[in-house]
């Protein structure tokens, strides 16, 4: 693992749009405000050429120019790279990413959420770079608190400890109604309740973190960009803690995806799992919810796991450093992460 380089005070941030571009509301206004806020904090902000584009139906631009933007950001003198959005088909840029070139570079954090798993996961498992599965750039349109504050502090190396939050937003799908005020503060009014398995036991384990959005990971599995097994073998002495959340997957799809990753060998050397709140929270398919789907596949592995952690598409979502060694425990209904090798 390469030595981490952090975002400096008054340092430079490259913004990129490898998937979704901010052309519609509330994304455009939020990105505009986020850039102003980051500049007011003293950072220099370099805006990638695709950030305000929607040239492709599911991406800011075609795969090649999206990949070119990523490569130029890595070659630049910026301290870190932050994605401006999630998306749907970011995986299609991977054939154009020069992982061999990145592997030879000095470390630079890439941070993004959701579809950005296609880079947060591959940069770690292929290039052995730590990345941050954290907020996308428009989240800095809001006052620094909870997930955007924790994400920034990790980028800057200001903290090695993150703890969960008390409440979340259950109605997040409607927060993106373009008719609403883009800069209104998100209302977190649903109490967070962790589900621990085995029941009535606190979660207390140490290992190396891997994970991201399950929707993306199951599509990476088995492709030429899937170097998971090599990475697992390299760090098998540490063991692994998988952090997983889902966007479009319903309960049955979650079950199928977890089965595929388990049978592909991704979960060997696993010490435990952190499952976030899925966007299809508590929705049932064939009378099965996400709790049952997860339990069916994970229980036979005989490791502890947590469901409904502060991770995923129902914010706030704790940032996770992919590839970092961490100690994670629960206490009094909350979850705590201590990073050991940042």
Protein backbone atom coordinates (compact mmCIF):
# COMPACT_ATOMS: atom_id res chain seq x y z
CA UNK A 1 0.00 0.00 0.00
CA UNK A 2 1.39 3.39 -1.00
CA UNK A 3 1.83 6.23 1.45
CA UNK A 4 -1.32 8.37 1.51
CA UNK A 5 -1.22 11.99 0.39
CA UNK A 6 -3.86 14.21 1.91
CA UNK A 7 -5.63 17.38 0.82
CA UNK A 8 -3.58 20.28 2.16
CA UNK A 9 -4.84 23.46 3.75
CA UNK A 10 -5.40 25.80 0.79
CA UNK A 11 -4.72 22.82 -1.46
CA UNK A 12 -6.15 21.99 -4.87
CA UNK A 13 -9.18 19.81 -5.62
CA UNK A 14 -9.98 18.35 -9.04
CA UNK A 15 -13.70 17.89 -9.71
CA UNK A 16 -14.67 15.23 -12.25
CA UNK A 17 -17.85 13.77 -13.74
CA UNK A 18 -17.05 10.17 -14.70
CA UNK A 19 -20.76 9.33 -14.61
CA UNK A 20 -23.50 11.88 -13.88
CA UNK A 21 -23.02 15.52 -14.90
CA UNK A 22 -24.68 18.35 -12.99
CA UNK A 23 -26.96 19.89 -15.61
CA UNK A 24 -30.36 19.73 -13.88
CA UNK A 25 -31.74 20.85 -10.54
CA UNK A 26 -31.00 20.51 -7.72
CA UNK A 27 -27.57 19.24 -8.81
CA UNK A 28 -26.39 22.27 -10.78
CA UNK A 29 -27.22 24.81 -8.09
CA UNK A 30 -25.74 22.59 -5.40
CA UNK A 31 -22.51 22.12 -7.33
CA UNK A 32 -22.25 25.88 -7.96
CA UNK A 33 -22.68 26.54 -4.24
CA UNK A 34 -20.33 23.71 -3.26
CA UNK A 35 -17.57 25.17 -5.44
CA UNK A 36 -18.10 28.60 -3.83
CA UNK A 37 -17.98 27.05 -0.36
CA UNK A 38 -14.80 25.09 -1.07
CA UNK A 39 -13.13 28.21 -2.44
CA UNK A 40 -14.23 30.17 0.63
CA UNK A 41 -12.53 27.51 2.76
CA UNK A 42 -9.31 28.40 0.95
CA UNK A 43 -9.15 25.53 -1.55
CA UNK A 44 -8.35 25.90 -5.22
CA UNK A 45 -10.95 24.09 -7.35
CA UNK A 46 -10.26 22.79 -10.82
CA UNK A 47 -13.52 21.99 -12.63
CA UNK A 48 -13.25 19.13 -15.11
CA UNK A 49 -14.65 19.62 -18.62
CA UNK A 50 -17.50 17.14 -18.08
CA UNK A 51 -18.84 18.43 -14.75
CA UNK A 52 -21.66 20.48 -16.31
CA UNK A 53 -22.34 18.22 -19.31
CA UNK A 54 -25.00 15.68 -20.24
CA UNK A 55 -23.83 14.52 -23.66
CA UNK A 56 -24.61 10.88 -23.02
CA UNK A 57 -27.96 9.58 -21.81
CA UNK A 58 -26.54 8.03 -18.64
CA UNK A 59 -23.27 9.95 -18.26
CA UNK A 60 -21.86 13.42 -18.55
CA UNK A 61 -20.07 12.35 -21.72
CA UNK A 62 -19.06 9.30 -23.74
CA UNK A 63 -16.81 6.76 -21.96
CA UNK A 64 -13.55 7.89 -23.58
CA UNK A 65 -13.76 11.60 -22.64
CA UNK A 66 -14.96 10.63 -19.15
CA UNK A 67 -11.91 8.42 -18.71
CA UNK A 68 -9.66 11.13 -20.16
CA UNK A 69 -10.95 13.57 -17.54
CA UNK A 70 -10.05 11.09 -14.78
CA UNK A 71 -6.56 10.51 -16.17
CA UNK A 72 -5.89 14.24 -16.52
CA UNK A 73 -6.99 14.78 -12.92
CA UNK A 74 -4.53 12.12 -11.75
CA UNK A 75 -1.75 13.68 -13.85
CA UNK A 76 -2.51 17.18 -12.55
CA UNK A 77 -1.00 18.92 -9.53
CA UNK A 78 -4.22 18.61 -7.51
CA UNK A 79 -4.13 17.06 -4.05
CA UNK A 80 -7.28 14.99 -4.49
CA UNK A 81 -10.12 14.18 -6.88
CA UNK A 82 -13.82 14.39 -6.02
CA UNK A 83 -16.65 13.19 -8.25
CA UNK A 84 -19.60 15.53 -8.80
CA UNK A 85 -22.21 12.78 -9.00
CA UNK A 86 -23.24 9.16 -9.05
CA UNK A 87 -24.91 7.69 -12.10
CA UNK A 88 -25.75 4.46 -13.86
CA UNK A 89 -23.17 3.23 -16.39
CA UNK A 90 -19.80 4.49 -15.18
CA UNK A 91 -18.44 0.95 -15.51
CA UNK A 92 -18.10 1.54 -19.27
CA UNK A 93 -15.22 4.00 -18.76
CA UNK A 94 -12.98 1.33 -17.21
CA UNK A 95 -11.48 0.03 -20.50
CA UNK A 96 -10.11 3.54 -21.05
CA UNK A 97 -8.59 4.06 -17.59
CA UNK A 98 -4.82 3.50 -17.57
CA UNK A 99 -4.51 1.67 -14.27
CA UNK A 100 -0.86 0.79 -15.00
CA UNK A 101 0.00 4.49 -15.26
CA UNK A 102 -1.93 5.38 -12.09
CA UNK A 103 -0.20 2.55 -10.25
CA UNK A 104 3.16 4.24 -10.85
CA UNK A 105 1.96 7.64 -9.61
CA UNK A 106 2.16 9.16 -6.19
CA UNK A 107 -0.99 8.42 -4.24
CA UNK A 108 -3.92 10.80 -4.61
CA UNK A 109 -7.31 10.26 -2.96
CA UNK A 110 -10.30 9.76 -5.24
CA UNK A 111 -13.62 10.28 -3.44
CA UNK A 112 -17.11 9.54 -4.65
CA UNK A 113 -20.30 7.70 -3.90
CA UNK A 114 -22.69 5.24 -5.54
CA UNK A 115 -21.66 4.61 -9.19
CA UNK A 116 -18.20 5.89 -8.26
CA UNK A 117 -17.67 2.46 -6.70
CA UNK A 118 -16.36 1.62 -10.16
CA UNK A 119 -13.26 3.67 -9.28
CA UNK A 120 -13.14 3.61 -5.48
CA UNK A 121 -13.06 -0.20 -5.64
CA UNK A 122 -10.84 -0.75 -8.70
CA UNK A 123 -8.25 1.87 -7.74
CA UNK A 124 -7.84 0.02 -4.45
CA UNK A 125 -7.87 -3.56 -5.71
CA UNK A 126 -5.86 -2.92 -8.89
CA UNK A 127 -3.54 -0.02 -7.97
CA UNK A 128 -3.38 -0.58 -4.20
CA UNK A 129 -4.49 3.03 -3.63
CA UNK A 130 -6.69 3.90 -0.70
CA UNK A 131 -9.84 5.71 -1.84
CA UNK A 132 -12.78 7.23 0.01
CA UNK A 133 -16.33 6.02 -0.47
CA UNK A 134 -17.71 9.35 0.65
CA UNK A 135 -19.91 12.25 -0.41
CA UNK A 136 -20.01 13.64 -3.93
CA UNK A 137 -18.99 17.27 -4.42
CA UNK A 138 -22.51 18.85 -4.39
CA UNK A 139 -22.85 17.82 -0.73
CA UNK A 140 -20.44 20.63 0.13
CA UNK A 141 -23.23 23.06 -0.81
CA UNK A 142 -24.47 22.55 2.75
CA UNK A 143 -22.97 23.55 6.07
CA UNK A 144 -20.23 21.19 7.23
CA UNK A 145 -21.77 18.63 9.53
CA UNK A 146 -22.07 14.88 9.69
CA UNK A 147 -21.11 13.09 6.45
CA UNK A 148 -19.68 16.00 4.43
CA UNK A 149 -17.62 17.16 7.42
CA UNK A 150 -16.31 13.65 8.10
CA UNK A 151 -15.49 13.13 4.42
CA UNK A 152 -13.52 16.37 4.22
CA UNK A 153 -11.64 15.62 7.42
CA UNK A 154 -10.63 12.20 6.10
CA UNK A 155 -9.44 13.78 2.84
CA UNK A 156 -7.31 16.20 4.85
CA UNK A 157 -5.99 13.63 7.30
CA UNK A 158 -7.58 15.54 10.17
CA UNK A 159 -9.27 12.55 11.75
CA UNK A 160 -8.87 8.82 12.11
CA UNK A 161 -12.13 8.28 13.96
CA UNK A 162 -15.68 8.42 12.57
CA UNK A 163 -18.89 7.63 14.41
CA UNK A 164 -22.43 7.04 13.21
CA UNK A 165 -25.23 9.58 13.25
CA UNK A 166 -28.46 9.59 15.22
CA UNK A 167 -31.08 10.18 12.50
CA UNK A 168 -31.51 9.78 8.75
CA UNK A 169 -33.76 10.88 5.89
CA UNK A 170 -36.26 8.21 4.89
CA UNK A 171 -37.87 10.26 2.11
CA UNK A 172 -34.66 11.04 0.25
CA UNK A 173 -36.02 10.16 -3.21
CA UNK A 174 -38.27 13.23 -3.02
CA UNK A 175 -35.38 15.50 -2.01
CA UNK A 176 -34.43 15.67 -5.70
CA UNK A 177 -37.71 17.12 -6.91
CA UNK A 178 -36.54 19.95 -9.23
CA UNK A 179 -39.50 22.05 -8.13
CA UNK A 180 -38.12 22.34 -4.59
CA UNK A 181 -35.51 24.80 -3.36
CA UNK A 182 -32.14 23.20 -4.24
CA UNK A 183 -30.27 24.58 -1.23
CA UNK A 184 -32.81 23.73 1.46
CA UNK A 185 -31.24 21.77 4.31
CA UNK A 186 -32.04 18.05 4.24
CA UNK A 187 -34.28 17.04 7.11
CA UNK A 188 -32.94 14.08 9.11
CA UNK A 189 -35.90 13.02 11.21
CA UNK A 190 -35.94 9.21 11.20
CA UNK A 191 -34.19 7.56 14.14
CA UNK A 192 -31.35 5.23 13.20
CA UNK A 193 -31.68 1.70 14.64
CA UNK A 194 -28.85 -0.76 14.09
CA UNK A 195 -29.64 -4.43 13.66
CA UNK A 196 -26.84 -6.62 15.04
CA UNK A 197 -26.23 -10.26 14.19
CA UNK A 198 -25.78 -12.42 16.18
CA UNK A 199 -28.44 -10.61 18.16
CA UNK A 200 -27.72 -8.99 21.51
CA UNK A 201 -23.97 -8.93 20.86
CA UNK A 202 -21.89 -5.85 20.10
CA UNK A 203 -19.88 -5.77 16.88
CA UNK A 204 -16.13 -5.50 17.63
CA UNK A 205 -13.70 -6.48 14.86
CA UNK A 206 -10.56 -5.34 13.08
CA UNK A 207 -9.68 -5.79 9.41
CA UNK A 208 -9.12 -4.16 6.04
CA UNK A 209 -12.12 -2.40 4.48
CA UNK A 210 -13.55 -3.28 1.08
CA UNK A 211 -16.92 -2.48 -0.45
CA UNK A 212 -19.17 0.14 -1.94
CA UNK A 213 -22.42 0.02 -3.88
CA UNK A 214 -23.55 -3.57 -4.36
CA UNK A 215 -25.21 -2.71 -7.67
CA UNK A 216 -21.78 -1.83 -9.10
CA UNK A 217 -19.75 -4.54 -7.41
CA UNK A 218 -21.85 -7.37 -8.79
CA UNK A 219 -21.31 -5.98 -12.31
CA UNK A 220 -17.53 -5.79 -11.79
CA UNK A 221 -17.40 -9.37 -10.55
CA UNK A 222 -15.79 -11.66 -13.13
CA UNK A 223 -14.68 -8.92 -15.53
CA UNK A 224 -11.05 -8.26 -16.42
CA UNK A 225 -11.18 -5.40 -13.91
CA UNK A 226 -11.95 -7.80 -11.08
CA UNK A 227 -8.64 -8.19 -9.24
CA UNK A 228 -10.36 -8.93 -5.96
CA UNK A 229 -8.76 -12.33 -5.44
CA UNK A 230 -5.22 -10.96 -5.87
CA UNK A 231 -5.97 -8.21 -3.37
CA UNK A 232 -7.50 -10.65 -0.88
CA UNK A 233 -4.45 -12.88 -1.04
CA UNK A 234 -2.09 -9.94 -0.57
CA UNK A 235 -3.78 -8.80 2.65
CA UNK A 236 -5.30 -12.05 3.92
CA UNK A 237 -3.44 -11.81 7.23
CA UNK A 238 -5.43 -8.65 8.04
CA UNK A 239 -8.80 -10.18 7.19
CA UNK A 240 -11.55 -8.06 5.66
CA UNK A 241 -14.57 -6.05 6.72
CA UNK A 242 -16.99 -5.55 3.85
CA UNK A 243 -19.13 -2.40 3.77
CA UNK A 244 -22.05 -2.71 1.37
CA UNK A 245 -25.12 -0.70 0.38
CA UNK A 246 -27.51 -0.74 -2.54
CA UNK A 247 -29.43 1.69 -4.73
CA UNK A 248 -31.60 0.08 -7.40
CA UNK A 249 -31.58 -3.45 -6.00
CA UNK A 250 -34.71 -4.73 -4.30
CA UNK A 251 -34.60 -7.45 -1.62
CA UNK A 252 -34.45 -10.38 -4.04
CA UNK A 253 -31.78 -8.63 -6.14
CA UNK A 254 -29.72 -8.04 -2.98
CA UNK A 255 -29.95 -11.74 -2.18
CA UNK A 256 -28.86 -12.74 -5.70
CA UNK A 257 -25.98 -10.25 -5.71
CA UNK A 258 -24.65 -11.37 -2.34
CA UNK A 259 -24.90 -15.00 -3.45
CA UNK A 260 -22.86 -14.24 -6.56
CA UNK A 261 -20.10 -12.42 -4.66
CA UNK A 262 -19.99 -15.13 -2.00
CA UNK A 263 -19.72 -17.93 -4.55
CA UNK A 264 -17.11 -15.96 -6.54
CA UNK A 265 -14.89 -16.14 -3.46
CA UNK A 266 -14.98 -12.47 -2.58
CA UNK A 267 -15.87 -13.16 1.04
CA UNK A 268 -13.03 -15.50 1.92
CA UNK A 269 -10.97 -14.12 4.80
CA UNK A 270 -14.01 -12.03 5.85
CA UNK A 271 -14.25 -10.98 9.49
CA UNK A 272 -17.57 -9.14 9.33
CA UNK A 273 -19.97 -7.01 7.31
CA UNK A 274 -21.43 -3.51 7.55
CA UNK A 275 -24.67 -3.20 5.57
CA UNK A 276 -26.12 0.24 4.97
CA UNK A 277 -29.73 1.24 4.53
CA UNK A 278 -30.82 0.35 0.99
CA UNK A 279 -32.77 2.87 -1.06
CA UNK A 280 -35.55 0.23 -1.14
CA UNK A 281 -35.62 0.36 2.66
CA UNK A 282 -37.94 -2.26 4.19
CA UNK A 283 -39.70 -2.85 0.86
CA UNK A 284 -40.81 -6.45 0.41
CA UNK A 285 -40.65 -8.66 -2.68
CA UNK A 286 -42.36 -12.05 -2.40
CA UNK A 287 -42.79 -11.11 1.27
CA UNK A 288 -39.00 -10.87 1.72
CA UNK A 289 -37.28 -7.69 2.94
CA UNK A 290 -33.60 -6.76 2.88
CA UNK A 291 -33.06 -8.14 6.38
CA UNK A 292 -34.07 -11.65 5.35
CA UNK A 293 -32.18 -11.40 2.05
CA UNK A 294 -28.94 -10.51 3.83
CA UNK A 295 -29.37 -13.07 6.60
CA UNK A 296 -29.92 -15.92 4.12
CA UNK A 297 -26.58 -15.39 2.40
CA UNK A 298 -24.38 -14.03 5.18
CA UNK A 299 -25.40 -16.12 8.22
CA UNK A 300 -23.74 -19.32 6.87
CA UNK A 301 -20.39 -17.46 6.86
CA UNK A 302 -20.56 -17.38 10.68
CA UNK A 303 -19.21 -13.86 11.08
CA UNK A 304 -20.86 -10.84 12.76
CA UNK A 305 -22.74 -8.33 10.65
CA UNK A 306 -24.63 -5.08 11.08
CA UNK A 307 -27.65 -3.98 9.04
CA UNK A 308 -29.00 -0.43 8.64
CA UNK A 309 -25.74 1.32 9.42
CA UNK A 310 -25.26 4.95 8.35
CA UNK A 311 -24.16 4.02 4.87
CA UNK A 312 -26.00 4.32 1.59
CA UNK A 313 -28.57 6.25 -0.39
CA UNK A 314 -30.66 7.28 2.63
CA UNK A 315 -28.35 9.92 4.13
CA UNK A 316 -26.33 10.76 6.07
CA UNK A 317 -23.75 8.18 5.02
CA UNK A 318 -20.50 7.63 6.89
CA UNK A 319 -17.39 7.82 4.69
CA UNK A 320 -15.41 4.57 4.40
CA UNK A 321 -11.76 4.45 3.34
CA UNK A 322 -11.50 1.55 0.90
CA UNK A 323 -8.31 -0.39 1.52
CA UNK A 324 -7.69 1.00 4.99
CA UNK A 325 -7.19 -1.14 8.05
CA UNK A 326 -9.77 -0.26 10.68
CA UNK A 327 -11.20 -1.26 14.01
CA UNK A 328 -15.01 -1.10 14.07
CA UNK A 329 -17.27 -1.54 17.05
CA UNK A 330 -20.81 -0.80 18.15
CA UNK A 331 -21.93 0.60 21.47
CA UNK A 332 -25.30 1.81 22.72
CA UNK A 333 -26.88 1.61 19.28
CA UNK A 334 -24.15 3.44 17.41
CA UNK A 335 -21.20 2.41 15.24
CA UNK A 336 -17.61 3.64 15.52
CA UNK A 337 -14.70 3.41 13.06
CA UNK A 338 -11.06 3.91 14.01
CA UNK A 339 -8.62 3.91 11.10
CA UNK A 340 -5.33 2.27 11.95
CA UNK A 341 -3.08 2.95 8.95
CA UNK A 342 -4.10 6.28 7.37
